[in-house]
Protein backbone atom coordinates (compact mmCIF):
# COMPACT_ATOMS: atom_id res chain seq x y z
CA MET A 1 -2.67 160.13 57.32
CA GLY A 2 -4.94 157.10 57.06
CA SER A 3 -8.46 156.18 56.12
CA SER A 4 -10.88 153.44 57.00
CA HIS A 5 -13.76 151.56 55.48
CA VAL A 6 -16.66 150.16 57.45
CA PRO A 7 -17.72 146.50 57.69
CA HIS A 8 -19.45 145.29 54.54
CA CYS A 9 -19.80 142.25 52.31
CA ASN A 10 -18.67 142.19 48.70
CA THR A 11 -21.03 143.32 45.99
CA ILE A 12 -23.56 140.56 45.32
CA ASN A 13 -21.47 138.29 47.57
CA LEU A 14 -18.66 137.54 45.14
CA VAL A 15 -15.14 136.39 46.01
CA ALA A 16 -12.69 139.30 45.81
CA CYS A 17 -8.92 139.36 45.46
CA ILE A 18 -7.05 142.53 46.42
CA VAL A 19 -3.33 143.07 45.71
CA VAL A 20 -1.29 146.05 46.87
CA HIS A 21 1.32 147.17 44.34
CA TRP A 22 3.08 149.78 46.46
CA GLY A 23 2.49 151.97 49.48
CA GLU A 24 1.58 151.76 53.11
CA THR A 25 0.15 148.86 55.10
CA LYS A 26 -3.57 148.15 55.37
CA THR A 27 -4.99 146.48 58.47
CA TRP A 28 -7.92 144.22 57.62
CA TYR A 29 -10.61 142.94 59.99
CA GLY A 30 -12.58 139.94 58.77
CA ILE A 31 -15.67 138.12 60.04
CA PRO A 32 -16.30 134.63 58.63
CA GLY A 33 -19.48 134.22 56.60
CA ASP A 34 -20.71 131.69 59.18
CA ASP A 35 -20.79 134.54 61.73
CA ALA A 36 -22.50 137.11 59.48
CA GLU A 37 -25.89 136.81 61.20
CA LYS A 38 -24.28 137.02 64.66
CA PHE A 39 -22.43 140.16 63.57
CA GLU A 40 -25.58 141.75 62.17
CA ALA A 41 -27.45 141.01 65.41
CA ALA A 42 -24.59 142.41 67.53
CA ILE A 43 -24.35 145.70 65.64
CA LYS A 44 -28.14 146.10 65.69
CA ARG A 45 -28.08 145.66 69.49
CA GLU A 46 -25.53 148.50 69.72
CA ALA A 47 -27.74 151.00 67.90
CA PRO A 48 -31.33 149.71 67.85
CA ASP A 49 -32.90 153.14 67.26
CA LEU A 50 -30.77 153.72 64.16
CA PHE A 51 -31.65 150.33 62.69
CA GLU A 52 -35.33 150.80 63.48
CA SER A 53 -35.43 154.03 61.49
CA GLN A 54 -33.03 152.76 58.77
CA PRO A 55 -33.30 148.95 58.47
CA ASP A 56 -30.74 148.89 55.62
CA LEU A 57 -28.13 150.83 57.62
CA LEU A 58 -25.44 148.16 57.14
CA PHE A 59 -25.73 148.55 53.35
CA GLN A 60 -25.18 152.32 53.54
CA LEU A 61 -21.52 151.77 54.57
CA VAL A 62 -21.63 154.27 57.45
CA THR A 63 -21.64 152.07 60.56
CA LEU A 64 -18.54 151.20 62.61
CA MET A 65 -18.26 149.02 65.71
CA ASN A 66 -15.17 148.37 67.81
CA PRO A 67 -13.83 144.87 66.94
CA ALA A 68 -13.45 144.14 70.68
CA ARG A 69 -17.19 144.74 71.17
CA VAL A 70 -17.95 142.47 68.23
CA ARG A 71 -15.84 139.70 69.83
CA GLU A 72 -17.66 140.22 73.15
CA ALA A 73 -20.87 139.36 71.27
CA GLY A 74 -19.40 135.96 70.35
CA VAL A 75 -18.46 136.88 66.78
CA ARG A 76 -15.11 135.68 65.46
CA VAL A 77 -13.02 138.61 64.24
CA TYR A 78 -9.65 138.12 62.54
CA ALA A 79 -7.08 140.77 61.69
CA CYS A 80 -4.14 140.89 59.32
CA ASN A 81 -1.77 143.48 57.92
CA GLN A 82 -1.44 143.63 54.13
CA ARG A 83 1.75 145.06 52.68
CA ALA A 84 2.94 145.76 49.13
CA GLY A 85 3.10 142.60 47.02
CA GLU A 86 0.61 140.71 49.19
CA PHE A 87 -2.89 139.46 48.35
CA VAL A 88 -6.02 139.40 50.50
CA ILE A 89 -9.02 137.33 49.48
CA THR A 90 -12.51 138.00 50.83
CA PHE A 91 -15.29 135.46 50.58
CA PRO A 92 -19.08 135.64 50.09
CA LYS A 93 -21.06 136.69 53.18
CA ALA A 94 -17.80 137.50 55.00
CA TYR A 95 -17.93 140.99 56.45
CA HIS A 96 -14.65 142.87 56.28
CA ALA A 97 -13.39 146.31 57.24
CA GLY A 98 -10.04 147.99 57.20
CA PHE A 99 -7.73 150.84 57.96
CA ASN A 100 -5.27 152.23 55.40
CA HIS A 101 -2.12 153.49 57.11
CA GLY A 102 -1.33 155.84 54.21
CA VAL A 103 -1.26 156.14 50.44
CA ARG A 104 -1.20 152.91 48.43
CA SER A 105 -1.93 151.56 44.96
CA LEU A 106 -3.96 148.39 44.54
CA ASP A 107 -6.06 146.30 42.21
CA ASN A 108 -9.29 144.62 43.24
CA THR A 109 -11.17 142.00 41.24
CA SER A 110 -14.39 140.18 42.08
CA ASP A 111 -15.18 136.75 40.67
CA ALA A 112 -18.18 134.46 40.69
CA THR A 113 -17.60 130.99 42.08
């Protein structure tokens, strides 16, 4: 049993550090902050009617797009697997999404730079 979270940026664009204490792997997908505008344009092209009626759709955390389609739009997408004892750091303006491969325990902290 797994779960996912949709592409989003950190709250008020802070740096975040996530550590997994125990449990299953998480697959992360990250988009560099330099490609944020390209990503936003690509996802809006995929569903223009939705974004026309809900301009803040990306902030509602309900919109997914296949990473391969994002790459086809010229957006850099990176993936990594995070296991217990490992850290992942996300940066301001960097969209990220993920898939949890099962139950896990983690801590997440956000810091101003």
